[in-house]
PDB file of N, CA and C in Angstrom:
ATOM      1  N   MET A   1      -0.719   9.182 -14.710  1.00  0.00           N
ATOM      2  CA  MET A   1      -1.299   7.853 -14.416  1.00  0.00           C
ATOM      3  C   MET A   1      -0.889   7.378 -13.033  1.00  0.00           C
ATOM      4  N   THR A   2      -1.570   6.715 -12.650  1.00  0.00           N
ATOM      5  CA  THR A   2      -1.364   6.317 -11.206  1.00  0.00           C
ATOM      6  C   THR A   2      -1.281   4.985 -10.947  1.00  0.00           C
ATOM      7  N   VAL A   3      -0.491   4.501  -9.937  1.00  0.00           N
ATOM      8  CA  VAL A   3      -0.414   3.056  -9.478  1.00  0.00           C
ATOM      9  C   VAL A   3      -0.972   3.074  -8.051  1.00  0.00           C
ATOM     10  N   ARG A   4      -1.982   2.378  -7.418  1.00  0.00           N
ATOM     11  CA  ARG A   4      -2.383   2.090  -6.337  1.00  0.00           C
ATOM     12  C   ARG A   4      -2.736   0.807  -5.636  1.00  0.00           C
ATOM     13  N   VAL A   5      -2.573   0.673  -4.206  1.00  0.00           N
ATOM     14  CA  VAL A   5      -3.016  -0.665  -3.560  1.00  0.00           C
ATOM     15  C   VAL A   5      -4.466  -0.614  -3.350  1.00  0.00           C
ATOM     16  N   ARG A   6      -5.171  -1.641  -3.420  1.00  0.00           N
ATOM     17  CA  ARG A   6      -6.416  -1.929  -3.007  1.00  0.00           C
ATOM     18  C   ARG A   6      -6.515  -3.278  -2.328  1.00  0.00           C
ATOM     19  N   ARG A   7      -7.272  -3.482  -1.722  1.00  0.00           N
ATOM     20  CA  ARG A   7      -7.465  -5.032  -0.951  1.00  0.00           C
ATOM     21  C   ARG A   7      -8.682  -5.531  -1.953  1.00  0.00           C
ATOM     22  N   VAL A   8      -8.546  -6.806  -2.603  1.00  0.00           N
ATOM     23  CA  VAL A   8      -9.234  -7.365  -3.515  1.00  0.00           C
ATOM     24  C   VAL A   8     -10.665  -7.569  -3.022  1.00  0.00           C
ATOM     25  N   TYR A   9     -11.162  -7.542  -1.691  1.00  0.00           N
ATOM     26  CA  TYR A   9     -12.343  -7.619  -1.082  1.00  0.00           C
ATOM     27  C   TYR A   9     -13.040  -6.208  -1.314  1.00  0.00           C
ATOM     28  N   ASP A  10     -12.378  -5.389  -1.564  1.00  0.00           N
ATOM     29  CA  ASP A  10     -13.359  -4.031  -1.571  1.00  0.00           C
ATOM     30  C   ASP A  10     -13.623  -4.200  -3.269  1.00  0.00           C
ATOM     31  N   PRO A  11     -15.088  -3.618  -3.273  1.00  0.00           N
ATOM     32  CA  PRO A  11     -15.640  -3.593  -4.745  1.00  0.00           C
ATOM     33  C   PRO A  11     -14.878  -2.416  -5.713  1.00  0.00           C
ATOM     34  N   PRO A  12     -14.896  -2.915  -6.910  1.00  0.00           N
ATOM     35  CA  PRO A  12     -13.823  -2.234  -8.123  1.00  0.00           C
ATOM     36  C   PRO A  12     -14.896  -0.766  -8.012  1.00  0.00           C
ATOM     37  N   GLU A  13     -14.015   0.240  -8.433  1.00  0.00           N
ATOM     38  CA  GLU A  13     -14.117   1.494  -8.655  1.00  0.00           C
ATOM     39  C   GLU A  13     -13.934   1.860  -9.852  1.00  0.00           C
ATOM     40  N   PRO A  14     -14.571   2.742 -10.476  1.00  0.00           N
ATOM     41  CA  PRO A  14     -14.392   3.080 -12.076  1.00  0.00           C
ATOM     42  C   PRO A  14     -13.038   3.629 -12.350  1.00  0.00           C
ATOM     43  N   ASP A  15     -12.047   4.225 -11.421  1.00  0.00           N
ATOM     44  CA  ASP A  15     -10.859   4.721 -11.402  1.00  0.00           C
ATOM     45  C   ASP A  15      -9.709   4.016 -11.557  1.00  0.00           C
ATOM     46  N   ASP A  16     -10.326   2.212 -11.073  1.00  0.00           N
ATOM     47  CA  ASP A  16      -9.154   1.313 -10.878  1.00  0.00           C
ATOM     48  C   ASP A  16      -8.265   1.232 -12.003  1.00  0.00           C
ATOM     49  N   GLY A  17      -8.656   1.481 -13.290  1.00  0.00           N
ATOM     50  CA  GLY A  17      -7.869   1.044 -14.297  1.00  0.00           C
ATOM     51  C   GLY A  17      -7.594  -0.159 -14.606  1.00  0.00           C
ATOM     52  N   VAL A  18      -6.557  -0.936 -14.895  1.00  0.00           N
ATOM     53  CA  VAL A  18      -6.053  -2.256 -14.964  1.00  0.00           C
ATOM     54  C   VAL A  18      -6.007  -2.807 -13.477  1.00  0.00           C
ATOM     55  N   ARG A  19      -6.878  -3.824 -13.377  1.00  0.00           N
ATOM     56  CA  ARG A  19      -6.793  -4.265 -11.794  1.00  0.00           C
ATOM     57  C   ARG A  19      -5.990  -5.453 -11.990  1.00  0.00           C
ATOM     58  N   VAL A  20      -4.812  -5.502 -11.175  1.00  0.00           N
ATOM     59  CA  VAL A  20      -3.799  -6.540 -11.299  1.00  0.00           C
ATOM     60  C   VAL A  20      -3.673  -7.362  -9.824  1.00  0.00           C
ATOM     61  N   LEU A  21      -4.039  -8.872  -9.795  1.00  0.00           N
ATOM     62  CA  LEU A  21      -3.838  -9.216  -8.554  1.00  0.00           C
ATOM     63  C   LEU A  21      -2.421  -9.800  -8.337  1.00  0.00           C
ATOM     64  N   VAL A  22      -1.875  -9.370  -7.136  1.00  0.00           N
ATOM     65  CA  VAL A  22      -0.627  -9.558  -7.028  1.00  0.00           C
ATOM     66  C   VAL A  22      -0.204 -10.467  -5.841  1.00  0.00           C
ATOM     67  N   ASP A  23      -1.221 -11.428  -5.480  1.00  0.00           N
ATOM     68  CA  ASP A  23      -0.712 -12.318  -4.536  1.00  0.00           C
ATOM     69  C   ASP A  23      -0.528 -13.590  -5.341  1.00  0.00           C
ATOM     70  N   ARG A  24       0.052 -14.934  -4.905  1.00  0.00           N
ATOM     71  CA  ARG A  24       0.343 -15.797  -5.447  1.00  0.00           C
ATOM     72  C   ARG A  24      -1.100 -17.054  -5.323  1.00  0.00           C
ATOM     73  N   LEU A  25      -1.843 -16.869  -4.370  1.00  0.00           N
ATOM     74  CA  LEU A  25      -3.043 -17.744  -4.257  1.00  0.00           C
ATOM     75  C   LEU A  25      -4.144 -16.962  -4.482  1.00  0.00           C
ATOM     76  N   TRP A  26      -5.113 -17.508  -4.908  1.00  0.00           N
ATOM     77  CA  TRP A  26      -6.514 -16.834  -5.205  1.00  0.00           C
ATOM     78  C   TRP A  26      -7.068 -16.523  -3.691  1.00  0.00           C
ATOM     79  N   PRO A  27      -7.639 -15.334  -3.724  1.00  0.00           N
ATOM     80  CA  PRO A  27      -8.161 -14.901  -2.408  1.00  0.00           C
ATOM     81  C   PRO A  27      -9.717 -15.502  -2.030  1.00  0.00           C
ATOM     82  N   ARG A  28      -9.449 -16.080  -0.850  1.00  0.00           N
ATOM     83  CA  ARG A  28     -10.832 -16.960  -0.277  1.00  0.00           C
ATOM     84  C   ARG A  28     -11.945 -15.960  -0.270  1.00  0.00           C
ATOM     85  N   GLY A  29     -12.830 -16.758  -0.661  1.00  0.00           N
ATOM     86  CA  GLY A  29     -14.180 -16.058  -0.782  1.00  0.00           C
ATOM     87  C   GLY A  29     -14.583 -15.007  -1.652  1.00  0.00           C
ATOM     88  N   VAL A  30     -13.484 -14.965  -2.728  1.00  0.00           N
ATOM     89  CA  VAL A  30     -13.833 -14.122  -3.981  1.00  0.00           C
ATOM     90  C   VAL A  30     -14.140 -14.640  -5.071  1.00  0.00           C
ATOM     91  N   ALA A  31     -15.294 -14.532  -5.845  1.00  0.00           N
ATOM     92  CA  ALA A  31     -15.816 -15.212  -6.990  1.00  0.00           C
ATOM     93  C   ALA A  31     -14.919 -14.620  -7.976  1.00  0.00           C
ATOM     94  N   LYS A  32     -14.267 -15.578  -9.173  1.00  0.00           N
ATOM     95  CA  LYS A  32     -13.418 -14.741  -9.946  1.00  0.00           C
ATOM     96  C   LYS A  32     -14.133 -13.528 -11.083  1.00  0.00           C
ATOM     97  N   ASP A  33     -15.402 -13.844 -11.154  1.00  0.00           N
ATOM     98  CA  ASP A  33     -16.112 -12.511 -11.911  1.00  0.00           C
ATOM     99  C   ASP A  33     -16.291 -11.595 -11.375  1.00  0.00           C
ATOM    100  N   ALA A  34     -16.530 -11.687  -9.668  1.00  0.00           N
ATOM    101  CA  ALA A  34     -16.794 -10.391  -8.831  1.00  0.00           C
ATOM    102  C   ALA A  34     -15.472  -9.739  -8.489  1.00  0.00           C
ATOM    103  N   ALA A  35     -14.377 -10.186  -8.661  1.00  0.00           N
ATOM    104  CA  ALA A  35     -13.261  -9.513  -8.252  1.00  0.00           C
ATOM    105  C   ALA A  35     -12.838  -8.726  -9.615  1.00  0.00           C
ATOM    106  N   HIS A  36     -12.939  -8.921 -10.617  1.00  0.00           N
ATOM    107  CA  HIS A  36     -12.842  -8.159 -11.770  1.00  0.00           C
ATOM    108  C   HIS A  36     -11.378  -7.706 -11.975  1.00  0.00           C
ATOM    109  N   VAL A  37     -10.736  -8.777 -11.963  1.00  0.00           N
ATOM    110  CA  VAL A  37      -9.061  -8.789 -12.139  1.00  0.00           C
ATOM    111  C   VAL A  37      -8.674  -9.109 -13.457  1.00  0.00           C
ATOM    112  N   ASP A  38      -7.979  -8.216 -14.088  1.00  0.00           N
ATOM    113  CA  ASP A  38      -7.468  -8.067 -15.408  1.00  0.00           C
ATOM    114  C   ASP A  38      -6.093  -8.859 -15.785  1.00  0.00           C
ATOM    115  N   GLU A  39      -5.107  -8.926 -14.994  1.00  0.00           N
ATOM    116  CA  GLU A  39      -4.163  -9.701 -14.737  1.00  0.00           C
ATOM    117  C   GLU A  39      -3.770 -10.296 -13.442  1.00  0.00           C
ATOM    118  N   TRP A  40      -3.148 -11.394 -13.624  1.00  0.00           N
ATOM    119  CA  TRP A  40      -2.475 -12.338 -12.398  1.00  0.00           C
ATOM    120  C   TRP A  40      -1.172 -12.688 -12.491  1.00  0.00           C
ATOM    121  N   PRO A  41      -0.321 -11.937 -12.622  1.00  0.00           N
ATOM    122  CA  PRO A  41       1.112 -12.479 -12.944  1.00  0.00           C
ATOM    123  C   PRO A  41       1.608 -13.168 -11.770  1.00  0.00           C
ATOM    124  N   LYS A  42       1.476 -14.524 -11.446  1.00  0.00           N
ATOM    125  CA  LYS A  42       1.681 -15.041 -10.341  1.00  0.00           C
ATOM    126  C   LYS A  42       3.314 -15.037 -10.234  1.00  0.00           C
ATOM    127  N   GLY A  43       3.876 -14.784 -10.989  1.00  0.00           N
ATOM    128  CA  GLY A  43       5.660 -14.956 -11.108  1.00  0.00           C
ATOM    129  C   GLY A  43       6.190 -13.633 -10.435  1.00  0.00           C
ATOM    130  N   LEU A  44       5.286 -12.683 -10.203  1.00  0.00           N
ATOM    131  CA  LEU A  44       5.654 -11.167  -9.818  1.00  0.00           C
ATOM    132  C   LEU A  44       5.426 -11.316  -7.940  1.00  0.00           C
ATOM    133  N   THR A  45       5.008 -12.404  -7.804  1.00  0.00           N
ATOM    134  CA  THR A  45       4.554 -12.632  -6.092  1.00  0.00           C
ATOM    135  C   THR A  45       6.048 -13.240  -5.241  1.00  0.00           C
ATOM    136  N   PRO A  46       5.686 -12.694  -4.162  1.00  0.00           N
ATOM    137  CA  PRO A  46       7.054 -13.446  -3.266  1.00  0.00           C
ATOM    138  C   PRO A  46       6.852 -15.272  -3.348  1.00  0.00           C
ATOM    139  N   SER A  47       8.093 -15.627  -3.225  1.00  0.00           N
ATOM    140  CA  SER A  47       8.066 -16.806  -3.314  1.00  0.00           C
ATOM    141  C   SER A  47       7.406 -17.558  -1.917  1.00  0.00           C
ATOM    142  N   THR A  48       6.982 -18.892  -2.188  1.00  0.00           N
ATOM    143  CA  THR A  48       6.182 -19.678  -0.956  1.00  0.00           C
ATOM    144  C   THR A  48       7.110 -19.492   0.034  1.00  0.00           C
ATOM    145  N   GLU A  49       8.328 -19.781  -0.099  1.00  0.00           N
ATOM    146  CA  GLU A  49       9.488 -19.794   1.373  1.00  0.00           C
ATOM    147  C   GLU A  49       9.261 -18.556   1.782  1.00  0.00           C
ATOM    148  N   LEU A  50       9.717 -17.279   1.061  1.00  0.00           N
ATOM    149  CA  LEU A  50       9.536 -16.155   1.615  1.00  0.00           C
ATOM    150  C   LEU A  50       8.372 -15.688   2.354  1.00  0.00           C
ATOM    151  N   ARG A  51       6.963 -15.916   1.774  1.00  0.00           N
ATOM    152  CA  ARG A  51       5.781 -15.605   2.178  1.00  0.00           C
ATOM    153  C   ARG A  51       5.513 -16.519   3.490  1.00  0.00           C
ATOM    154  N   ARG A  52       5.742 -17.596   3.849  1.00  0.00           N
ATOM    155  CA  ARG A  52       5.545 -18.559   5.009  1.00  0.00           C
ATOM    156  C   ARG A  52       6.607 -17.538   6.006  1.00  0.00           C
ATOM    157  N   TRP A  53       7.931 -17.291   5.855  1.00  0.00           N
ATOM    158  CA  TRP A  53       8.856 -17.084   6.542  1.00  0.00           C
ATOM    159  C   TRP A  53       8.226 -15.667   7.106  1.00  0.00           C
ATOM    160  N   TYR A  54       7.927 -14.749   6.339  1.00  0.00           N
ATOM    161  CA  TYR A  54       7.189 -13.448   6.798  1.00  0.00           C
ATOM    162  C   TYR A  54       6.024 -13.636   7.731  1.00  0.00           C
ATOM    163  N   HIS A  55       5.131 -14.531   7.065  1.00  0.00           N
ATOM    164  CA  HIS A  55       3.836 -14.796   7.741  1.00  0.00           C
ATOM    165  C   HIS A  55       4.133 -15.423   9.190  1.00  0.00           C
ATOM    166  N   ALA A  56       4.997 -16.116   9.349  1.00  0.00           N
ATOM    167  CA  ALA A  56       5.512 -16.717  10.562  1.00  0.00           C
ATOM    168  C   ALA A  56       5.876 -15.934  11.761  1.00  0.00           C
ATOM    169  N   GLY A  57       6.241 -14.775  11.064  1.00  0.00           N
ATOM    170  CA  GLY A  57       6.567 -13.852  12.160  1.00  0.00           C
ATOM    171  C   GLY A  57       8.180 -13.789  12.545  1.00  0.00           C
ATOM    172  N   GLU A  58       8.919 -14.591  11.456  1.00  0.00           N
ATOM    173  CA  GLU A  58      10.386 -14.500  11.783  1.00  0.00           C
ATOM    174  C   GLU A  58      11.048 -13.541  11.518  1.00  0.00           C
ATOM    175  N   GLY A  59      10.590 -12.508  10.815  1.00  0.00           N
ATOM    176  CA  GLY A  59      11.474 -11.576  10.329  1.00  0.00           C
ATOM    177  C   GLY A  59      10.517  -9.780  10.422  1.00  0.00           C
ATOM    178  N   THR A  60      11.247  -8.869  10.320  1.00  0.00           N
ATOM    179  CA  THR A  60      10.725  -7.527  10.084  1.00  0.00           C
ATOM    180  C   THR A  60      10.069  -7.259   8.784  1.00  0.00           C
ATOM    181  N   TYR A  61       9.256  -6.420   8.702  1.00  0.00           N
ATOM    182  CA  TYR A  61       8.675  -5.966   7.159  1.00  0.00           C
ATOM    183  C   TYR A  61      10.160  -5.528   6.228  1.00  0.00           C
ATOM    184  N   GLU A  62      11.059  -4.760   7.109  1.00  0.00           N
ATOM    185  CA  GLU A  62      12.117  -4.271   6.259  1.00  0.00           C
ATOM    186  C   GLU A  62      13.027  -5.353   5.738  1.00  0.00           C
ATOM    187  N   GLU A  63      13.187  -6.440   6.425  1.00  0.00           N
ATOM    188  CA  GLU A  63      13.876  -7.666   6.077  1.00  0.00           C
ATOM    189  C   GLU A  63      13.074  -8.305   4.944  1.00  0.00           C
ATOM    190  N   PHE A  64      11.678  -8.700   4.863  1.00  0.00           N
ATOM    191  CA  PHE A  64      10.892  -9.027   4.095  1.00  0.00           C
ATOM    192  C   PHE A  64      10.712  -8.396   2.727  1.00  0.00           C
ATOM    193  N   ALA A  65      10.704  -7.101   2.678  1.00  0.00           N
ATOM    194  CA  ALA A  65      10.940  -6.373   1.647  1.00  0.00           C
ATOM    195  C   ALA A  65      12.224  -6.261   0.924  1.00  0.00           C
ATOM    196  N   GLU A  66      13.475  -6.479   1.597  1.00  0.00           N
ATOM    197  CA  GLU A  66      14.705  -6.441   1.125  1.00  0.00           C
ATOM    198  C   GLU A  66      14.658  -8.050   0.567  1.00  0.00           C
ATOM    199  N   ARG A  67      14.322  -9.199   1.185  1.00  0.00           N
ATOM    200  CA  ARG A  67      14.495 -10.288   0.201  1.00  0.00           C
ATOM    201  C   ARG A  67      13.664 -10.222  -0.799  1.00  0.00           C
ATOM    202  N   TYR A  68      12.583  -9.579  -0.723  1.00  0.00           N
ATOM    203  CA  TYR A  68      11.284  -9.566  -1.911  1.00  0.00           C
ATOM    204  C   TYR A  68      12.102  -8.982  -3.211  1.00  0.00           C
ATOM    205  N   GLU A  69      12.708  -8.066  -2.721  1.00  0.00           N
ATOM    206  CA  GLU A  69      13.443  -7.272  -3.946  1.00  0.00           C
ATOM    207  C   GLU A  69      14.437  -7.762  -4.523  1.00  0.00           C
ATOM    208  N   ALA A  70      14.860  -8.807  -3.689  1.00  0.00           N
ATOM    209  CA  ALA A  70      16.076  -9.542  -4.501  1.00  0.00           C
ATOM    210  C   ALA A  70      15.280 -10.498  -5.113  1.00  0.00           C
ATOM    211  N   GLU A  71      14.256 -11.190  -4.982  1.00  0.00           N
ATOM    212  CA  GLU A  71      13.596 -12.057  -5.271  1.00  0.00           C
ATOM    213  C   GLU A  71      13.102 -11.411  -6.982  1.00  0.00           C
ATOM    214  N   LEU A  72      12.691 -10.121  -6.861  1.00  0.00           N
ATOM    215  CA  LEU A  72      12.322  -9.621  -8.231  1.00  0.00           C
ATOM    216  C   LEU A  72      13.342  -9.385  -9.192  1.00  0.00           C
ATOM    217  N   ALA A  73      14.418  -9.665  -8.777  1.00  0.00           N
ATOM    218  CA  ALA A  73      15.762  -9.501  -9.627  1.00  0.00           C
ATOM    219  C   ALA A  73      15.934 -10.694 -10.651  1.00  0.00           C
ATOM    220  N   ASP A  74      15.329 -11.644 -10.092  1.00  0.00           N
ATOM    221  CA  ASP A  74      14.883 -12.747 -11.423  1.00  0.00           C
ATOM    222  C   ASP A  74      14.258 -12.597 -12.689  1.00  0.00           C
ATOM    223  N   PRO A  75      14.654 -12.844 -13.530  1.00  0.00           N
ATOM    224  CA  PRO A  75      14.347 -12.682 -15.065  1.00  0.00           C
ATOM    225  C   PRO A  75      12.856 -12.615 -15.260  1.00  0.00           C
ATOM    226  N   GLU A  76      12.183 -14.135 -14.763  1.00  0.00           N
ATOM    227  CA  GLU A  76      10.977 -13.716 -14.776  1.00  0.00           C
ATOM    228  C   GLU A  76       9.822 -12.542 -14.096  1.00  0.00           C
ATOM    229  N   ALA A  77      10.465 -12.509 -13.077  1.00  0.00           N
ATOM    230  CA  ALA A  77       9.842 -11.515 -12.372  1.00  0.00           C
ATOM    231  C   ALA A  77      10.179 -10.330 -12.589  1.00  0.00           C
ATOM    232  N   ALA A  78      11.162  -9.818 -12.767  1.00  0.00           N
ATOM    233  CA  ALA A  78      11.697  -8.590 -13.586  1.00  0.00           C
ATOM    234  C   ALA A  78      10.946  -8.150 -14.706  1.00  0.00           C
ATOM    235  N   GLY A  79      10.674  -9.263 -15.557  1.00  0.00           N
ATOM    236  CA  GLY A  79       9.835  -9.008 -16.861  1.00  0.00           C
ATOM    237  C   GLY A  79       8.622  -8.603 -16.365  1.00  0.00           C
ATOM    238  N   LEU A  80       8.157  -9.357 -15.894  1.00  0.00           N
ATOM    239  CA  LEU A  80       6.625  -9.011 -15.369  1.00  0.00           C
ATOM    240  C   LEU A  80       6.164  -7.611 -14.563  1.00  0.00           C
ATOM    241  N   LEU A  81       7.439  -7.360 -13.851  1.00  0.00           N
ATOM    242  CA  LEU A  81       7.461  -5.963 -12.843  1.00  0.00           C
ATOM    243  C   LEU A  81       7.674  -4.979 -14.266  1.00  0.00           C
ATOM    244  N   ASP A  82       8.300  -5.240 -15.183  1.00  0.00           N
ATOM    245  CA  ASP A  82       8.354  -4.267 -16.461  1.00  0.00           C
ATOM    246  C   ASP A  82       6.979  -4.075 -17.086  1.00  0.00           C
ATOM    247  N   HIS A  83       6.308  -5.188 -17.243  1.00  0.00           N
ATOM    248  CA  HIS A  83       5.017  -5.408 -17.923  1.00  0.00           C
ATOM    249  C   HIS A  83       4.002  -4.694 -17.138  1.00  0.00           C
ATOM    250  N   VAL A  84       4.005  -4.534 -15.992  1.00  0.00           N
ATOM    251  CA  VAL A  84       3.023  -3.713 -15.051  1.00  0.00           C
ATOM    252  C   VAL A  84       3.652  -2.049 -15.051  1.00  0.00           C
ATOM    253  N   ARG A  85       4.917  -2.234 -15.144  1.00  0.00           N
ATOM    254  CA  ARG A  85       5.352  -0.685 -15.219  1.00  0.00           C
ATOM    255  C   ARG A  85       4.865  -0.127 -16.502  1.00  0.00           C
ATOM    256  N   GLU A  86       5.069  -0.705 -17.901  1.00  0.00           N
ATOM    257  CA  GLU A  86       4.194  -0.349 -18.914  1.00  0.00           C
ATOM    258  C   GLU A  86       2.749  -0.070 -18.972  1.00  0.00           C
ATOM    259  N   LEU A  87       2.113  -1.174 -18.295  1.00  0.00           N
ATOM    260  CA  LEU A  87       0.779  -0.954 -18.353  1.00  0.00           C
ATOM    261  C   LEU A  87       0.500   0.446 -17.561  1.00  0.00           C
ATOM    262  N   ALA A  88       1.147   1.051 -16.417  1.00  0.00           N
ATOM    263  CA  ALA A  88       1.164   2.013 -15.676  1.00  0.00           C
ATOM    264  C   ALA A  88       1.549   3.498 -16.592  1.00  0.00           C
ATOM    265  N   ARG A  89       2.650   3.130 -17.565  1.00  0.00           N
ATOM    266  CA  ARG A  89       2.767   4.268 -18.456  1.00  0.00           C
ATOM    267  C   ARG A  89       1.479   4.562 -19.278  1.00  0.00           C
ATOM    268  N   TRP A  90       0.423   3.834 -19.524  1.00  0.00           N
ATOM    269  CA  TRP A  90      -0.607   4.064 -20.451  1.00  0.00           C
ATOM    270  C   TRP A  90      -1.872   4.517 -19.669  1.00  0.00           C
ATOM    271  N   GLY A  91      -1.834   4.128 -18.608  1.00  0.00           N
ATOM    272  CA  GLY A  91      -3.007   4.287 -17.566  1.00  0.00           C
ATOM    273  C   GLY A  91      -3.045   3.812 -16.088  1.00  0.00           C
ATOM    274  N   ASP A  92      -3.951   3.851 -15.586  1.00  0.00           N
ATOM    275  CA  ASP A  92      -4.060   3.863 -14.099  1.00  0.00           C
ATOM    276  C   ASP A  92      -3.892   2.297 -13.751  1.00  0.00           C
ATOM    277  N   VAL A  93      -3.524   1.958 -12.821  1.00  0.00           N
ATOM    278  CA  VAL A  93      -3.139   0.438 -12.492  1.00  0.00           C
ATOM    279  C   VAL A  93      -3.615   0.212 -10.890  1.00  0.00           C
ATOM    280  N   THR A  94      -4.405  -0.592 -10.553  1.00  0.00           N
ATOM    281  CA  THR A  94      -4.650  -0.869  -9.112  1.00  0.00           C
ATOM    282  C   THR A  94      -3.757  -2.613  -8.875  1.00  0.00           C
ATOM    283  N   LEU A  95      -3.022  -2.342  -7.948  1.00  0.00           N
ATOM    284  CA  LEU A  95      -2.568  -3.574  -7.166  1.00  0.00           C
ATOM    285  C   LEU A  95      -3.379  -4.263  -6.346  1.00  0.00           C
ATOM    286  N   LEU A  96      -3.847  -5.364  -6.598  1.00  0.00           N
ATOM    287  CA  LEU A  96      -4.857  -5.957  -5.654  1.00  0.00           C
ATOM    288  C   LEU A  96      -4.439  -7.035  -4.845  1.00  0.00           C
ATOM    289  N   THR A  97      -4.444  -6.948  -3.793  1.00  0.00           N
ATOM    290  CA  THR A  97      -4.049  -8.023  -2.345  1.00  0.00           C
ATOM    291  C   THR A  97      -5.409  -8.314  -1.521  1.00  0.00           C
ATOM    292  N   ALA A  98      -4.886  -9.499  -0.836  1.00  0.00           N
ATOM    293  CA  ALA A  98      -5.933 -10.036  -0.082  1.00  0.00           C
ATOM    294  C   ALA A  98      -5.484  -9.719   1.461  1.00  0.00           C
ATOM    295  N   SER A  99      -4.176  -9.327   1.780  1.00  0.00           N
ATOM    296  CA  SER A  99      -3.382  -8.851   2.695  1.00  0.00           C
ATOM    297  C   SER A  99      -4.632  -7.858   3.562  1.00  0.00           C
ATOM    298  N   LYS A 100      -4.518  -7.977   4.848  1.00  0.00           N
ATOM    299  CA  LYS A 100      -5.051  -7.479   5.637  1.00  0.00           C
ATOM    300  C   LYS A 100      -4.507  -5.893   6.102  1.00  0.00           C
ATOM    301  N   SER A 101      -3.235  -6.095   5.749  1.00  0.00           N
ATOM    302  CA  SER A 101      -2.475  -4.897   6.038  1.00  0.00           C
ATOM    303  C   SER A 101      -1.401  -4.656   4.779  1.00  0.00           C
ATOM    304  N   PRO A 102      -2.323  -4.085   3.852  1.00  0.00           N
ATOM    305  CA  PRO A 102      -1.538  -3.796   2.439  1.00  0.00           C
ATOM    306  C   PRO A 102      -0.319  -3.003   2.648  1.00  0.00           C
ATOM    307  N   ALA A 103      -0.386  -1.922   3.609  1.00  0.00           N
ATOM    308  CA  ALA A 103       1.004  -1.306   3.800  1.00  0.00           C
ATOM    309  C   ALA A 103       2.173  -1.812   4.085  1.00  0.00           C
ATOM    310  N   GLU A 104       2.118  -3.094   4.860  1.00  0.00           N
ATOM    311  CA  GLU A 104       3.168  -3.949   5.166  1.00  0.00           C
ATOM    312  C   GLU A 104       2.900  -5.190   4.472  1.00  0.00           C
ATOM    313  N   SER A 105       2.877  -5.369   3.597  1.00  0.00           N
ATOM    314  CA  SER A 105       2.969  -6.417   2.312  1.00  0.00           C
ATOM    315  C   SER A 105       3.594  -6.174   1.292  1.00  0.00           C
ATOM    316  N   HIS A 106       3.955  -7.299   0.480  1.00  0.00           N
ATOM    317  CA  HIS A 106       4.628  -7.189  -0.974  1.00  0.00           C
ATOM    318  C   HIS A 106       3.719  -6.207  -1.900  1.00  0.00           C
ATOM    319  N   ALA A 107       2.640  -5.907  -1.667  1.00  0.00           N
ATOM    320  CA  ALA A 107       2.083  -4.785  -2.489  1.00  0.00           C
ATOM    321  C   ALA A 107       2.511  -3.609  -2.461  1.00  0.00           C
ATOM    322  N   SER A 108       2.937  -3.251  -1.423  1.00  0.00           N
ATOM    323  CA  SER A 108       3.475  -2.003  -0.989  1.00  0.00           C
ATOM    324  C   SER A 108       4.850  -1.775  -1.312  1.00  0.00           C
ATOM    325  N   VAL A 109       5.811  -3.008  -1.665  1.00  0.00           N
ATOM    326  CA  VAL A 109       7.024  -2.948  -2.176  1.00  0.00           C
ATOM    327  C   VAL A 109       6.814  -2.787  -3.400  1.00  0.00           C
ATOM    328  N   LEU A 110       5.950  -3.431  -4.247  1.00  0.00           N
ATOM    329  CA  LEU A 110       5.949  -3.317  -5.516  1.00  0.00           C
ATOM    330  C   LEU A 110       5.198  -2.066  -5.850  1.00  0.00           C
ATOM    331  N   LEU A 111       4.338  -1.180  -5.261  1.00  0.00           N
ATOM    332  CA  LEU A 111       4.105  -0.027  -5.314  1.00  0.00           C
ATOM    333  C   LEU A 111       5.171   0.936  -5.212  1.00  0.00           C
ATOM    334  N   ARG A 112       6.011   0.895  -4.287  1.00  0.00           N
ATOM    335  CA  ARG A 112       7.106   1.698  -4.361  1.00  0.00           C
ATOM    336  C   ARG A 112       8.367   1.639  -5.211  1.00  0.00           C
ATOM    337  N   LEU A 113       8.492   0.222  -5.909  1.00  0.00           N
ATOM    338  CA  LEU A 113       9.215   0.196  -7.133  1.00  0.00           C
ATOM    339  C   LEU A 113       8.808   0.747  -8.003  1.00  0.00           C
ATOM    340  N   LEU A 114       7.215   0.572  -8.426  1.00  0.00           N
ATOM    341  CA  LEU A 114       6.702   1.391  -9.736  1.00  0.00           C
ATOM    342  C   LEU A 114       6.456   2.716  -9.575  1.00  0.00           C
ATOM    343  N   ASP A 115       6.370   3.398  -8.191  1.00  0.00           N
ATOM    344  CA  ASP A 115       6.374   4.889  -8.238  1.00  0.00           C
ATOM    345  C   ASP A 115       7.541   5.286  -8.442  1.00  0.00           C
ATOM    346  N   GLY A 116       8.638   4.612  -8.283  1.00  0.00           N
ATOM    347  CA  GLY A 116      10.099   5.026  -8.506  1.00  0.00           C
ATOM    348  C   GLY A 116      10.354   4.928  -9.974  1.00  0.00           C
ATOM    349  N   SER A 117       9.484   4.397 -10.950  1.00  0.00           N
ATOM    350  CA  SER A 117      10.059   4.420 -12.377  1.00  0.00           C
ATOM    351  C   SER A 117       9.587   5.528 -13.123  1.00  0.00           C
TER     352      SER A 117
END
């Protein structure tokens, strides 16, 4: 089974499997029915404070990833991450993000954590 990251603005593909939106806010300009999102675990996303800190350019991606991983230790977030791990055990999972640079976003942190399990 595979886990991958795609932009939510890209059209769905047959091999996406379960499509999980990993952004706290719904992406601008995307109709809910067009996004084909199966799950939206908001508690798995970075906190508003961390998101604002990172987007303000106050730190590096490495610092952001470290802080986000610390947030994922919270019981709610850890449980949601385990749920996505379980989905990946049964089939393909696509993590969806509106980020312009998914490789330097929270989605890549999640991908790394899920690939390591």
